[in-house]
Amino acid sequence: MNRLDVERRAQVIRCLIDANSIRATVRITGVAKNTVVKLLVEIGAACSEYQDRVFRNLKLKRIQCDEIWSFVYAKQKNVGPTMLEHAHAGDVWTWTAIDAETKLVPCWMVGGRDAAAAGGFIDDLVGRLAHRVQLTTDGHKAYLDAVDGAFGCEVDSAMLVKLYGADPEEEKRYSPAQCFGTRTEIIIGDPDPKHISTSYVERQNLTMRMCMRRFTRLTNAFSKKIENHAAAVALYFMYYNFARIHQTLRVTPAMAARVTHRLWDVSDIVALLDEKKPN
């Protein structure tokens, strides 16, 4: 990356966080494809390390969790014997947590959708919180053991279970089953019924699909390597948490959560590559 100055690095990163694919970024910036990919991986690692370090002892109150689907190299149903050299080919899930008040995303995880992934994700979340919180998840059963194992009794936890009216396989292609209602299930503690919701984290899923080209459905902009996928997610959350003003808050989520006192710019994110750590 020594051949790219700060301005060129910032130009590439702006393209990537503005929902452009790798090839579109190449066309816009004139930077070689391999250089763009290398920069993405390096800045993704820097963003992940920085957020992992500063997102500690967070005074958050109401956390919502969910998982969003995507795939690497090929969809799971298309992974065959000829793809064995691609160790991470197939479906991949991004687990996210968001605070309903500050809109901060304190942690995320890229992996499967099994109990082990749920446990690792919730364990990571617990280590970042300063005190007891209210936690809402969807009806995914893997959360039950994960939340119990990580929080014990020190949480007010509930599930919001969606009720569907038909088998998704009977619907038209690409159309989800019709949701005709929800029910709430109290899991641990005494959560406030008014705040049992997954609305914010589901809206965050939409924002992710709009802001990362590799998450867009029905395109050929999917991730070809799991490393690139994880790097793009880390870069996205760095920009979302520190450099993008939330319309309702009028500050960034990191400012609202008092992780930083100022608005970041893309140049500040670029500076992470040189191990500069602005606060």
Protein backbone atom coordinates (compact mmCIF):
# COMPACT_ATOMS: atom_id res chain seq x y z
CA MET A 1 0.00 0.00 0.00
CA ASN A 2 3.04 2.33 0.04
CA ARG A 3 2.40 3.41 -3.54
CA LEU A 4 -0.99 4.89 -2.66
CA ASP A 5 -1.04 8.21 -0.87
CA VAL A 6 -3.63 9.07 1.77
CA GLU A 7 -5.88 10.85 -0.73
CA ARG A 8 -5.98 7.86 -3.11
CA ARG A 9 -6.61 5.45 -0.22
CA ALA A 10 -9.47 7.65 0.97
CA GLN A 11 -10.92 7.74 -2.56
CA VAL A 12 -10.92 3.94 -2.76
CA ILE A 13 -12.48 3.57 0.69
CA ARG A 14 -15.19 6.13 -0.11
CA CYS A 15 -16.14 4.08 -3.14
CA LEU A 16 -16.28 0.86 -1.13
CA ILE A 17 -18.45 2.33 1.61
CA ASP A 18 -20.71 3.89 -1.00
CA ALA A 19 -21.99 0.48 -2.18
CA ASN A 20 -19.61 0.13 -5.11
CA SER A 21 -18.24 -3.27 -6.07
CA ILE A 22 -14.53 -3.97 -6.39
CA ARG A 23 -14.66 -3.65 -10.19
CA ALA A 24 -16.69 -0.44 -10.01
CA THR A 25 -14.13 0.99 -7.59
CA VAL A 26 -11.38 0.10 -10.05
CA ARG A 27 -13.18 1.93 -12.85
CA ILE A 28 -13.88 5.02 -10.73
CA THR A 29 -10.46 5.39 -9.10
CA GLY A 30 -8.13 3.89 -11.69
CA VAL A 31 -6.47 1.82 -8.96
CA ALA A 32 -5.59 -1.76 -9.88
CA LYS A 33 -7.98 -4.47 -8.74
CA ASN A 34 -5.40 -6.35 -6.66
CA THR A 35 -4.43 -3.10 -4.95
CA VAL A 36 -8.08 -2.35 -4.10
CA VAL A 37 -8.56 -5.83 -2.66
CA LYS A 38 -5.34 -5.60 -0.65
CA LEU A 39 -6.36 -2.22 0.73
CA LEU A 40 -9.80 -3.58 1.66
CA VAL A 41 -8.29 -6.48 3.61
CA GLU A 42 -5.76 -4.26 5.39
CA ILE A 43 -8.21 -1.50 6.30
CA GLY A 44 -10.76 -4.11 7.36
CA ALA A 45 -8.28 -5.65 9.78
CA ALA A 46 -7.38 -2.21 11.16
CA CYS A 47 -11.05 -1.29 11.62
CA SER A 48 -11.82 -4.59 13.31
CA GLU A 49 -8.88 -4.24 15.70
CA TYR A 50 -9.74 -0.66 16.61
CA GLN A 51 -13.41 -1.33 17.32
CA ASP A 52 -12.57 -4.47 19.27
CA ARG A 53 -10.29 -2.37 21.46
CA VAL A 54 -12.50 0.69 22.08
CA PHE A 55 -15.88 -1.02 22.40
CA ARG A 56 -15.45 -1.97 26.04
CA ASN A 57 -17.35 -1.04 29.19
CA LEU A 58 -20.21 0.31 27.07
CA LYS A 59 -23.12 1.82 29.00
CA LEU A 60 -25.84 0.53 26.70
CA LYS A 61 -29.38 -0.33 27.79
CA ARG A 62 -31.46 -2.11 25.14
CA ILE A 63 -29.73 -4.48 22.74
CA GLN A 64 -31.33 -6.14 19.71
CA CYS A 65 -29.66 -9.06 17.88
CA ASP A 66 -30.25 -10.68 14.51
CA GLU A 67 -28.48 -12.55 11.70
CA ILE A 68 -28.31 -11.60 8.01
CA TRP A 69 -27.69 -14.11 5.23
CA SER A 70 -25.22 -13.87 2.37
CA PHE A 71 -22.85 -16.29 0.66
CA VAL A 72 -19.21 -16.62 -0.31
CA TYR A 73 -18.09 -17.91 -3.72
CA ALA A 74 -21.33 -19.88 -4.30
CA LYS A 75 -24.68 -20.47 -2.66
CA GLN A 76 -24.76 -23.53 -0.44
CA LYS A 77 -26.96 -25.51 -2.83
CA ASN A 78 -24.40 -24.99 -5.61
CA VAL A 79 -21.31 -26.02 -3.65
CA GLY A 80 -20.04 -29.23 -5.21
CA PRO A 81 -16.93 -31.45 -5.17
CA THR A 82 -15.11 -29.13 -7.59
CA MET A 83 -15.24 -26.35 -5.00
CA LEU A 84 -13.53 -28.24 -2.19
CA GLU A 85 -10.45 -26.02 -2.46
CA HIS A 86 -12.61 -23.08 -1.38
CA ALA A 87 -12.86 -23.88 2.32
CA HIS A 88 -15.48 -21.24 3.08
CA ALA A 89 -17.66 -21.55 0.00
CA GLY A 90 -21.39 -21.49 0.71
CA ASP A 91 -23.82 -19.69 2.97
CA VAL A 92 -22.42 -17.26 5.52
CA TRP A 93 -24.26 -15.35 8.23
CA THR A 94 -23.38 -12.01 9.77
CA TRP A 95 -24.55 -11.74 13.40
CA THR A 96 -25.16 -8.18 14.55
CA ALA A 97 -26.12 -6.41 17.77
CA ILE A 98 -27.42 -2.84 17.94
CA ASP A 99 -28.31 -0.56 20.83
CA ALA A 100 -31.83 0.83 20.44
CA GLU A 101 -30.95 4.23 21.95
CA THR A 102 -27.54 5.13 20.54
CA LYS A 103 -27.82 2.93 17.41
CA LEU A 104 -24.27 1.75 18.10
CA VAL A 105 -23.29 -1.66 16.74
CA PRO A 106 -20.94 -2.85 19.50
CA CYS A 107 -20.11 -6.22 17.93
CA TRP A 108 -20.73 -8.46 14.96
CA MET A 109 -19.52 -11.84 13.78
CA VAL A 110 -19.21 -13.52 10.39
CA GLY A 111 -19.77 -17.28 10.45
CA GLY A 112 -22.37 -20.02 10.42
CA ARG A 113 -25.82 -20.01 12.00
CA ASP A 114 -25.32 -22.83 14.48
CA ALA A 115 -25.10 -23.00 18.28
CA ALA A 116 -21.33 -22.53 18.30
CA ALA A 117 -21.60 -19.32 16.31
CA ALA A 118 -24.40 -18.03 18.54
CA GLY A 119 -22.34 -18.79 21.64
CA GLY A 120 -19.26 -17.00 20.35
CA PHE A 121 -21.28 -13.98 19.28
CA ILE A 122 -23.14 -13.56 22.58
CA ASP A 123 -19.96 -14.17 24.60
CA ASP A 124 -18.32 -11.34 22.67
CA LEU A 125 -21.31 -9.07 23.33
CA VAL A 126 -21.24 -9.72 27.09
CA GLY A 127 -17.59 -8.72 27.31
CA ARG A 128 -18.36 -5.26 25.97
CA LEU A 129 -21.17 -4.24 28.31
CA ALA A 130 -20.82 -2.26 31.53
CA HIS A 131 -24.03 -3.36 33.22
CA ARG A 132 -27.27 -5.31 32.89
CA VAL A 133 -29.20 -4.78 29.65
CA GLN A 134 -32.48 -5.73 28.07
CA LEU A 135 -31.86 -8.10 25.16
CA THR A 136 -34.24 -8.97 22.34
CA THR A 137 -33.54 -11.60 19.70
CA ASP A 138 -35.57 -13.30 17.02
CA GLY A 139 -36.90 -16.82 17.49
CA HIS A 140 -33.68 -18.59 16.48
CA LYS A 141 -33.33 -21.37 19.07
CA ALA A 142 -29.53 -21.11 19.18
CA TYR A 143 -29.90 -17.91 21.20
CA LEU A 144 -31.44 -19.75 24.16
CA ASP A 145 -28.34 -21.61 25.31
CA ALA A 146 -26.03 -18.83 24.13
CA VAL A 147 -27.73 -16.14 26.22
CA ASP A 148 -28.08 -18.39 29.25
CA GLY A 149 -24.44 -19.46 29.07
CA ALA A 150 -23.05 -15.95 28.60
CA PHE A 151 -25.30 -13.80 30.79
CA GLY A 152 -26.65 -16.28 33.33
CA CYS A 153 -29.33 -14.40 35.28
CA GLU A 154 -27.75 -10.98 34.67
CA VAL A 155 -29.96 -9.98 31.74
CA ASP A 156 -33.56 -9.20 30.89
CA SER A 157 -34.02 -11.28 27.78
CA ALA A 158 -36.94 -11.90 25.42
CA MET A 159 -37.61 -13.35 21.99
CA LEU A 160 -39.80 -11.84 19.30
CA VAL A 161 -41.10 -14.74 17.23
CA LYS A 162 -42.63 -14.02 13.83
CA LEU A 163 -45.66 -16.05 12.76
CA TYR A 164 -45.89 -16.91 9.08
CA GLY A 165 -49.03 -17.83 7.19
CA ALA A 166 -47.64 -20.26 4.63
CA ASP A 167 -44.73 -22.49 3.78
CA PRO A 168 -42.06 -20.35 2.04
CA GLU A 169 -41.67 -23.08 -0.61
CA GLU A 170 -45.22 -22.52 -1.71
CA GLU A 171 -44.63 -18.83 -2.36
CA LYS A 172 -43.58 -17.35 -5.68
CA ARG A 173 -39.87 -17.26 -6.41
CA TYR A 174 -37.91 -14.76 -4.26
CA SER A 175 -41.06 -13.94 -2.29
CA PRO A 176 -41.01 -14.55 1.48
CA ALA A 177 -43.86 -16.17 3.31
CA GLN A 178 -46.46 -13.76 4.60
CA CYS A 179 -45.97 -12.69 8.22
CA PHE A 180 -49.33 -12.25 9.90
CA GLY A 181 -48.18 -11.50 13.43
CA THR A 182 -45.64 -11.94 16.20
CA ARG A 183 -45.52 -13.29 19.71
CA THR A 184 -43.16 -12.48 22.55
CA GLU A 185 -41.50 -14.99 24.84
CA ILE A 186 -39.86 -13.94 28.10
CA ILE A 187 -36.63 -15.91 28.47
CA ILE A 188 -34.75 -14.47 31.45
CA GLY A 189 -35.45 -11.71 33.94
CA ASP A 190 -38.09 -9.02 33.59
CA PRO A 191 -37.83 -7.24 30.21
CA ASP A 192 -40.04 -4.22 29.57
CA PRO A 193 -42.76 -5.36 27.10
CA LYS A 194 -42.70 -1.94 25.41
CA HIS A 195 -39.12 -2.50 24.32
CA ILE A 196 -39.32 -6.10 23.12
CA SER A 197 -38.54 -5.40 19.49
CA THR A 198 -36.12 -6.24 16.70
CA SER A 199 -37.10 -3.29 14.50
CA TYR A 200 -33.78 -1.46 14.73
CA VAL A 201 -31.59 -4.46 14.05
CA GLU A 202 -33.78 -5.50 11.10
CA ARG A 203 -33.49 -1.98 9.71
CA GLN A 204 -29.75 -2.30 10.18
CA ASN A 205 -29.86 -5.41 7.99
CA LEU A 206 -31.44 -3.34 5.22
CA THR A 207 -28.80 -0.66 5.60
CA MET A 208 -26.10 -3.30 5.26
CA ARG A 209 -27.59 -4.58 2.02
CA MET A 210 -27.80 -1.03 0.67
CA CYS A 211 -24.27 -0.01 1.68
CA MET A 212 -22.29 -3.15 0.85
CA ARG A 213 -22.54 -4.28 -2.73
CA ARG A 214 -21.60 -7.86 -1.86
CA PHE A 215 -24.77 -8.14 0.25
CA THR A 216 -27.08 -7.10 -2.60
CA ARG A 217 -29.32 -9.94 -3.71
CA LEU A 218 -29.48 -11.32 -7.27
CA THR A 219 -26.18 -9.84 -8.47
CA ASN A 220 -22.71 -11.16 -9.27
CA ALA A 221 -21.12 -8.85 -6.68
CA PHE A 222 -20.98 -11.52 -3.99
CA SER A 223 -17.80 -12.17 -1.99
CA LYS A 224 -15.30 -14.56 -3.55
CA LYS A 225 -13.28 -15.03 -0.33
CA ILE A 226 -14.36 -15.07 3.30
CA GLU A 227 -11.45 -12.76 4.20
CA ASN A 228 -12.71 -10.10 1.81
CA HIS A 229 -16.24 -10.51 3.13
CA ALA A 230 -15.18 -10.06 6.76
CA ALA A 231 -13.02 -7.06 5.85
CA ALA A 232 -15.91 -5.34 4.05
CA VAL A 233 -18.15 -5.85 7.08
CA ALA A 234 -15.54 -4.39 9.46
CA LEU A 235 -15.03 -1.36 7.22
CA TYR A 236 -18.77 -0.82 6.93
CA PHE A 237 -19.30 -0.84 10.70
CA MET A 238 -16.31 1.47 11.23
CA TYR A 239 -17.85 4.04 8.91
CA TYR A 240 -21.35 3.48 10.28
CA ASN A 241 -20.32 3.81 13.94
CA PHE A 242 -17.83 6.68 13.66
CA ALA A 243 -18.26 8.65 10.42
CA ARG A 244 -21.92 8.51 9.39
CA ILE A 245 -24.32 10.89 11.14
CA HIS A 246 -27.52 9.15 12.13
CA GLN A 247 -30.50 11.16 10.89
CA THR A 248 -32.53 10.88 14.10
CA LEU A 249 -29.61 11.31 16.50
CA ARG A 250 -27.84 14.06 14.50
CA VAL A 251 -24.55 12.59 15.68
CA THR A 252 -22.78 9.31 14.95
CA PRO A 253 -23.62 6.24 17.03
CA ALA A 254 -20.13 6.30 18.54
CA MET A 255 -20.66 9.90 19.66
CA ALA A 256 -24.09 9.06 21.08
CA ALA A 257 -22.54 6.18 23.05
CA ARG A 258 -19.66 8.47 24.17
CA VAL A 259 -17.02 6.28 22.61
CA THR A 260 -15.65 9.34 20.80
CA HIS A 261 -16.27 13.06 21.16
CA ARG A 262 -16.01 14.03 17.49
CA LEU A 263 -17.16 13.21 14.00
CA TRP A 264 -14.70 11.05 12.11
CA ASP A 265 -13.84 11.42 8.43
CA VAL A 266 -12.68 8.81 5.94
CA SER A 267 -9.16 10.19 6.34
CA ASP A 268 -9.30 9.23 10.02
CA ILE A 269 -10.18 5.67 9.03
CA VAL A 270 -7.28 5.65 6.56
CA ALA A 271 -5.00 6.80 9.38
CA LEU A 272 -5.67 3.53 11.20
CA LEU A 273 -3.40 1.86 8.66
CA ASP A 274 -0.53 3.92 10.04
CA GLU A 275 -1.46 2.92 13.60
CA LYS A 276 -2.77 6.38 14.42
CA LYS A 277 -5.62 6.05 16.88
CA PRO A 278 -7.70 9.26 17.10
CA ASN A 279 -10.30 9.39 19.86
